[in-house]
């Protein structure tokens, strides 16, 4: 089981519409359940976001850091960490 702290869960709740056409969670508990189901990951830097996409086989060649961070599935937690939700 993955652990998502309150900052990560609140970030997802506040910004989930950037990835989904409608809300998929209304509470912290629902957000945690959803993120666990999706096997979402939390990384600690832009470099780790890029490494994650490379490890997943997603071609990021030529993409600038800000373009990668603007991807719908990347959520800026606000403290230097990023939540990545692959659906």
C-alpha atoms as a PDB file:
ATOM      1  CA  UNK A   1       0.000   0.000   0.000  1.00  0.00           C
ATOM      2  CA  UNK A   2       1.311   3.445  -0.892  1.00  0.00           C
ATOM      3  CA  UNK A   3       1.257   6.286   1.578  1.00  0.00           C
ATOM      4  CA  UNK A   4       0.016   9.654   0.387  1.00  0.00           C
ATOM      5  CA  UNK A   5       0.278  12.512   2.870  1.00  0.00           C
ATOM      6  CA  UNK A   6      -2.328  15.233   3.320  1.00  0.00           C
ATOM      7  CA  UNK A   7      -0.511  17.699   1.028  1.00  0.00           C
ATOM      8  CA  UNK A   8      -0.524  15.184  -1.833  1.00  0.00           C
ATOM      9  CA  UNK A   9      -4.171  14.258  -1.302  1.00  0.00           C
ATOM     10  CA  UNK A  10      -5.301  17.882  -1.102  1.00  0.00           C
ATOM     11  CA  UNK A  11      -3.318  18.723  -4.235  1.00  0.00           C
ATOM     12  CA  UNK A  12      -5.084  15.934  -6.104  1.00  0.00           C
ATOM     13  CA  UNK A  13      -8.526  16.922  -4.806  1.00  0.00           C
ATOM     14  CA  UNK A  14      -8.011  20.562  -5.802  1.00  0.00           C
ATOM     15  CA  UNK A  15      -6.578  19.834  -9.262  1.00  0.00           C
ATOM     16  CA  UNK A  16      -8.141  16.543 -10.406  1.00  0.00           C
ATOM     17  CA  UNK A  17     -10.139  18.260 -13.157  1.00  0.00           C
ATOM     18  CA  UNK A  18      -6.905  18.936 -15.054  1.00  0.00           C
ATOM     19  CA  UNK A  19      -6.843  15.208 -15.827  1.00  0.00           C
ATOM     20  CA  UNK A  20     -10.447  14.062 -15.562  1.00  0.00           C
ATOM     21  CA  UNK A  21     -13.636  15.507 -17.093  1.00  0.00           C
ATOM     22  CA  UNK A  22     -15.424  15.180 -13.729  1.00  0.00           C
ATOM     23  CA  UNK A  23     -14.403  14.790 -10.105  1.00  0.00           C
ATOM     24  CA  UNK A  24     -13.311  11.254  -9.204  1.00  0.00           C
ATOM     25  CA  UNK A  25     -12.919  11.969  -5.476  1.00  0.00           C
ATOM     26  CA  UNK A  26     -14.613  14.294  -2.988  1.00  0.00           C
ATOM     27  CA  UNK A  27     -12.813  13.428   0.274  1.00  0.00           C
ATOM     28  CA  UNK A  28      -9.228  12.746   1.330  1.00  0.00           C
ATOM     29  CA  UNK A  29     -10.126   9.083   1.836  1.00  0.00           C
ATOM     30  CA  UNK A  30     -11.641   8.793  -1.662  1.00  0.00           C
ATOM     31  CA  UNK A  31      -8.583  10.536  -3.121  1.00  0.00           C
ATOM     32  CA  UNK A  32      -6.250   8.114  -1.357  1.00  0.00           C
ATOM     33  CA  UNK A  33      -8.253   5.095  -2.527  1.00  0.00           C
ATOM     34  CA  UNK A  34      -8.275   6.390  -6.096  1.00  0.00           C
ATOM     35  CA  UNK A  35      -4.525   7.135  -6.121  1.00  0.00           C
ATOM     36  CA  UNK A  36      -3.751   3.705  -4.681  1.00  0.00           C
ATOM     37  CA  UNK A  37      -5.913   2.072  -7.354  1.00  0.00           C
ATOM     38  CA  UNK A  38      -4.087   4.031 -10.077  1.00  0.00           C
ATOM     39  CA  UNK A  39      -0.714   3.272  -8.488  1.00  0.00           C
ATOM     40  CA  UNK A  40       0.065   6.981  -8.603  1.00  0.00           C
ATOM     41  CA  UNK A  41       3.580   7.949  -7.569  1.00  0.00           C
ATOM     42  CA  UNK A  42       5.056  10.892  -5.734  1.00  0.00           C
ATOM     43  CA  UNK A  43       8.511  12.051  -6.818  1.00  0.00           C
ATOM     44  CA  UNK A  44      10.800  14.648  -5.287  1.00  0.00           C
ATOM     45  CA  UNK A  45      12.017  16.678  -8.276  1.00  0.00           C
ATOM     46  CA  UNK A  46      11.594  17.584 -11.924  1.00  0.00           C
ATOM     47  CA  UNK A  47      14.436  15.186 -12.704  1.00  0.00           C
ATOM     48  CA  UNK A  48      12.507  12.340 -11.063  1.00  0.00           C
ATOM     49  CA  UNK A  49       9.415  13.213 -13.137  1.00  0.00           C
ATOM     50  CA  UNK A  50      11.522  12.923 -16.295  1.00  0.00           C
ATOM     51  CA  UNK A  51      13.099   9.678 -15.061  1.00  0.00           C
ATOM     52  CA  UNK A  52       9.640   8.255 -14.321  1.00  0.00           C
ATOM     53  CA  UNK A  53       8.417   8.958 -17.860  1.00  0.00           C
ATOM     54  CA  UNK A  54      11.610   7.496 -19.336  1.00  0.00           C
ATOM     55  CA  UNK A  55      11.225   4.349 -17.190  1.00  0.00           C
ATOM     56  CA  UNK A  56       7.628   4.028 -18.410  1.00  0.00           C
ATOM     57  CA  UNK A  57       8.821   4.208 -22.019  1.00  0.00           C
ATOM     58  CA  UNK A  58       7.151   7.535 -22.739  1.00  0.00           C
ATOM     59  CA  UNK A  59       9.151   9.500 -25.297  1.00  0.00           C
ATOM     60  CA  UNK A  60      10.055  12.820 -23.718  1.00  0.00           C
ATOM     61  CA  UNK A  61      12.967  13.597 -26.030  1.00  0.00           C
ATOM     62  CA  UNK A  62      13.046  17.262 -26.902  1.00  0.00           C
ATOM     63  CA  UNK A  63      10.449  18.182 -24.297  1.00  0.00           C
ATOM     64  CA  UNK A  64      11.387  21.025 -21.998  1.00  0.00           C
ATOM     65  CA  UNK A  65      10.998  20.650 -18.226  1.00  0.00           C
ATOM     66  CA  UNK A  66       8.033  23.025 -18.143  1.00  0.00           C
ATOM     67  CA  UNK A  67       6.317  21.082 -20.951  1.00  0.00           C
ATOM     68  CA  UNK A  68       6.710  17.876 -18.960  1.00  0.00           C
ATOM     69  CA  UNK A  69       5.378  19.528 -15.809  1.00  0.00           C
ATOM     70  CA  UNK A  70       2.389  20.857 -17.794  1.00  0.00           C
ATOM     71  CA  UNK A  71       1.326  17.302 -18.676  1.00  0.00           C
ATOM     72  CA  UNK A  72      -2.202  16.627 -17.404  1.00  0.00           C
ATOM     73  CA  UNK A  73      -1.052  13.661 -15.321  1.00  0.00           C
ATOM     74  CA  UNK A  74       1.587  15.662 -13.407  1.00  0.00           C
ATOM     75  CA  UNK A  75       0.419  17.526 -10.311  1.00  0.00           C
ATOM     76  CA  UNK A  76       2.699  20.035  -8.569  1.00  0.00           C
ATOM     77  CA  UNK A  77       2.263  19.385  -4.844  1.00  0.00           C
ATOM     78  CA  UNK A  78       3.803  22.785  -4.135  1.00  0.00           C
ATOM     79  CA  UNK A  79       6.684  21.728  -1.930  1.00  0.00           C
ATOM     80  CA  UNK A  80       9.066  20.511  -4.628  1.00  0.00           C
ATOM     81  CA  UNK A  81       7.296  17.180  -5.030  1.00  0.00           C
ATOM     82  CA  UNK A  82       5.137  16.017  -7.915  1.00  0.00           C
ATOM     83  CA  UNK A  83       2.272  13.544  -8.039  1.00  0.00           C
ATOM     84  CA  UNK A  84       2.062  11.491 -11.235  1.00  0.00           C
ATOM     85  CA  UNK A  85      -1.266   9.835 -11.995  1.00  0.00           C
ATOM     86  CA  UNK A  86      -1.266   7.420 -14.915  1.00  0.00           C
ATOM     87  CA  UNK A  87      -4.705   6.308 -16.037  1.00  0.00           C
END
